[in-house]
Amino acid sequence: MSESTSALDSAQLHTELDTIFDEVIDQLTDLVAIPSVAWPSFDPANVRTSAEAVAGLARDLGLDVEILTAAQEDGSEGYPAIVASVPAPAGAPTVLLYAHHDVQPPGKAEAWNSEPFVATRTGERLYGRGAADDKAGIMVHLTALRLLAGRLGVGVTLFIEGEEEAGSPSFRNFLETYQDKLAADVIVVADSGNWAAGTPALTTSLRGMCAIEFEISTLDHAVHSGMYGGIVPDAMLAMTRVLSTLHDEDGSVAVSGLKSQTSSDIDYEEATIRADSGVLESTSLIGSGSLASRLWTQPSITVIGLDIPEVDVSSNTLQSSLRAKLSIRLAPGDTPANAVEAVEKHLRENLPFGATLTIGDTEGGSPWQADLDDPVVQTAERALTEAWGQESVTMGIGGSIPFIADLLEVFPQASILVTGVEDPDARAHSANESLYLPDFKAAIVAEALLLQKLAAS
């Protein structure tokens, strides 16, 4: 890739993209066809095949390409990632472009309207597992670089991870092992979404997360419910009493010590939340404050696991002990360590009947908030606005991208931009995942504009 200072505006980039867009869709279709699920119960050869396919696309653009791995925490080898680069011209910044080539499992085939690993176009949407999350992100990066061939003006490192949907178990070690290869002034994480179809957004806050397993015991062995029911408190009674204290009457989190923010510049319509989530018409929403703040800047606690016999195999027995698992989402400004401490303290203070509590495994990822005064953030907002022809907004995400904290710790001087191609109807992780093609086009043009603006600045 030879470099030139000539820049293209949004209209010119859209015109050039139109001439190659069918080919871009064909390349994305080929990537979707690879079932690259990086879970132990799936064939790891598919993830290797996916990595090689992405590496081939990067080589076709003239990038210097490597397929690399790093050890996971248990010492086993992580899944393959692609690192490809173009060196920066003298005095120019280097931009790290991140996406991931692994995907979620397809789930039940009967829930899909088309084959999960066959990219199927219906109107303005392309359906298939990974079509949006995150193989479209890969194609945004590659196609933006293709549009700027001969006029890039910045250094670029392409980092396409292979195990994000499995929790990125080797990510931190990968960053530290290949720190010199990945060092950059700006990091673009293309794994988020937009405010609505046709409305671009830069994600500027992410809730953190932690998970806590715990066990409550009231007996040293299970006993007959007819013999001792009404006298002896079983573990289920103690567990339900404890779990009921985690929320107020309106469903707001009732654990003291968890941090919370309530402000947001934009908000959701309740009808939108109901339609997107599938909440029943008779079910009330929970929490207080704006809907956006409840999703982005307030904590949440969800019971995601409870060990108790299923109804079909239950017996007249008082359970001696029960295990549960909580998923806690953290507001920006909080930490997983603080959350674990606050929740454990709350559980202990609310144990009934002298029951015993044992804390098990915990895990966590930190929240993140962008610096809106960072010139790079402001440059990205301008690029999004120009590419879409629609004013860009800043938004939060209720979910977490825990590795953002790792990027900040390993590359503390880098500006981080969280972008994406998904819209509220993309259904990432669900059946009938899809990519809205007009936004896909705009995202490609926006990234090309961003790279040009960073070169000019």
Foldseek 3Di string as FASTA:
>chain_A
DAADLDADFQVVLLVVCVVCVVVLVVLLQVLLLQQQAQDPVDDLVSLVVSQVSLQVLLVVLVWDKDWDWFAFPVRDIGRTKMKTKDAADPPFWEEEQEAASHWFDQPDCVVFPDGQSGFDDDPQKTWHTCSFRPSLSSSLVSLLSVSCVHHLLGMYIYIYHRHQVVPPRCPLVVCVVCVVSRATQAYEYAGDAAAAVLAGAWEFKEWKKKKWKKKWFQDPFKDFCVVQPPPGAFAVVQVVQLVVQQADPQRAGNQPQADFDADDPDADDPVLVCVLVVDDPPDDDGDDHGPQRVQFTGKHKDWPDKDDDDPVPDDRMRHGMIMTMMMMIGGAPDFQVSVVVRSVVSSVVRGPPPIDMDIDDMDIAHMGGADCPPVLNVLLQVLLCRLSVHRYYYGHGSHDSRCVVSCCVSHVSHHYIYGYQDRSPQQGVHHGRIGRNSSSSSSSSSVSSSSSVSSVD
